[in-house]
Amino acid sequence: MREALTSFLRSLGYAAIAFDSAEGLLKSKRRRSLSCVIADVQMPGMTGFELHKRMVTAGEPIPTILITAFPDESARQRALQAGVIGYFAKPFNEDNLLACIQSTLGSGEAAGRGS
């Protein structure tokens, strides 16, 4: 899924970077240049929701979109209340995901920006 999503975003002109884990993203020096984070809710080690909370707590509130194979309305509400900009159930509609990204970044922020 990570590779497919990265390829999809790159095909649209976004400078997408894939990380193997939430911890990998947090340790990366490149995280400060990210304009948006798309994370799975269920990841080994740290959930996507926990990743979002850690970035906000660290003073790096990067717009975050969460994707899940196990949709739960209460988890969705909690994520959105915490500032997550999108919460999508797999399989998700690529057009809806793209609309969420564009509404956050503006339609002109493609090539050269991290997504």
Protein backbone atom coordinates (compact mmCIF):
# COMPACT_ATOMS: atom_id res chain seq x y z
CA MET A 1 0.00 0.00 0.00
CA ARG A 2 2.82 2.41 0.93
CA GLU A 3 4.58 1.86 -2.40
CA ALA A 4 1.38 2.21 -4.43
CA LEU A 5 0.41 5.43 -2.66
CA THR A 6 3.91 6.87 -3.07
CA SER A 7 3.88 6.04 -6.81
CA PHE A 8 0.40 7.55 -7.20
CA LEU A 9 1.43 10.83 -5.54
CA ARG A 10 4.68 11.04 -7.52
CA SER A 11 2.73 10.50 -10.77
CA LEU A 12 0.76 13.63 -9.86
CA GLY A 13 3.91 15.69 -9.34
CA TYR A 14 4.19 15.49 -5.56
CA ALA A 15 7.61 14.84 -4.01
CA ALA A 16 6.38 11.88 -1.97
CA ILE A 17 8.73 10.25 0.54
CA ALA A 18 7.97 6.82 2.04
CA PHE A 19 9.09 5.80 5.54
CA ASP A 20 9.04 2.23 6.89
CA SER A 21 7.59 3.32 10.22
CA ALA A 22 6.39 6.24 12.29
CA GLU A 23 9.66 6.11 14.20
CA GLY A 24 11.56 6.35 10.90
CA LEU A 25 9.68 9.53 10.03
CA LEU A 26 10.27 11.04 13.48
CA LYS A 27 14.02 10.32 13.29
CA SER A 28 14.35 11.75 9.77
CA LYS A 29 15.84 15.20 9.29
CA ARG A 30 13.55 15.51 6.25
CA ARG A 31 10.40 15.62 8.41
CA ARG A 32 10.74 19.40 8.83
CA SER A 33 10.28 19.84 5.07
CA LEU A 34 7.10 17.76 4.89
CA SER A 35 3.89 19.54 3.92
CA CYS A 36 1.58 16.61 4.68
CA VAL A 37 1.78 13.16 6.25
CA ILE A 38 -0.33 10.20 5.17
CA ALA A 39 -0.13 7.36 7.68
CA ASP A 40 -1.90 4.10 8.35
CA VAL A 41 -3.78 3.98 11.62
CA GLN A 42 -2.40 0.49 12.41
CA MET A 43 1.39 0.39 12.15
CA PRO A 44 3.91 -1.64 14.11
CA GLY A 45 5.34 0.26 17.07
CA MET A 46 3.28 3.44 16.87
CA THR A 47 -0.15 4.10 15.42
CA GLY A 48 -0.82 6.87 12.93
CA PHE A 49 -2.86 8.67 15.56
CA GLU A 50 0.06 8.51 18.03
CA LEU A 51 2.40 9.79 15.30
CA HIS A 52 0.14 12.79 14.74
CA LYS A 53 -0.02 13.50 18.49
CA ARG A 54 3.79 13.27 18.79
CA MET A 55 4.32 15.76 15.95
CA VAL A 56 1.81 18.21 17.45
CA THR A 57 3.37 17.87 20.92
CA ALA A 58 6.84 18.46 19.42
CA GLY A 59 5.61 21.73 17.85
CA GLU A 60 5.54 20.26 14.33
CA PRO A 61 1.83 20.07 13.54
CA ILE A 62 2.21 18.70 10.01
CA PRO A 63 -1.20 18.18 8.38
CA THR A 64 -1.95 14.47 8.76
CA ILE A 65 -4.25 12.13 6.86
CA LEU A 66 -4.97 8.73 8.37
CA ILE A 67 -5.93 5.61 6.43
CA THR A 68 -7.38 2.48 8.04
CA ALA A 69 -8.53 -1.00 7.12
CA PHE A 70 -10.64 -1.08 10.28
CA PRO A 71 -12.92 1.98 10.19
CA ASP A 72 -14.35 2.97 13.54
CA GLU A 73 -16.53 6.06 13.91
CA SER A 74 -15.35 6.87 17.44
CA ALA A 75 -11.68 6.63 16.35
CA ARG A 76 -12.47 8.83 13.34
CA GLN A 77 -14.12 11.47 15.55
CA ARG A 78 -11.22 11.38 18.02
CA ALA A 79 -8.69 11.79 15.20
CA LEU A 80 -10.54 14.69 13.60
CA GLN A 81 -10.96 16.42 16.97
CA ALA A 82 -7.19 16.08 17.48
CA GLY A 83 -6.58 17.93 14.21
CA VAL A 84 -6.19 15.13 11.68
CA ILE A 85 -7.31 16.58 8.34
CA GLY A 86 -8.64 13.37 6.79
CA TYR A 87 -9.62 9.87 7.85
CA PHE A 88 -10.15 7.34 5.06
CA ALA A 89 -11.23 3.70 5.14
CA LYS A 90 -9.49 1.23 2.80
CA PRO A 91 -10.16 0.86 0.02
CA PHE A 92 -10.37 4.61 -0.36
CA ASN A 93 -11.31 6.70 -3.35
CA GLU A 94 -8.11 8.26 -4.77
CA ASP A 95 -10.03 11.35 -5.92
CA ASN A 96 -11.27 11.97 -2.36
CA LEU A 97 -7.74 11.56 -0.97
CA LEU A 98 -6.36 13.91 -3.60
CA ALA A 99 -9.08 16.49 -2.83
CA CYS A 100 -8.11 16.34 0.85
CA ILE A 101 -4.42 16.85 0.01
CA GLN A 102 -5.18 19.71 -2.38
CA SER A 103 -7.47 21.46 0.11
CA THR A 104 -4.62 21.38 2.62
CA LEU A 105 -1.73 22.27 0.35
CA GLY A 106 -3.52 24.29 -2.28
CA SER A 107 -3.56 23.04 -5.83
CA GLY A 108 -0.23 24.73 -6.69
CA GLU A 109 1.93 22.88 -4.14
CA ALA A 110 3.11 19.87 -6.06
CA ALA A 111 6.63 19.27 -7.34
CA GLY A 112 9.39 20.09 -4.94
CA ARG A 113 7.33 19.75 -1.78
CA GLY A 114 7.22 16.77 0.54
CA SER A 115 3.88 14.99 0.87
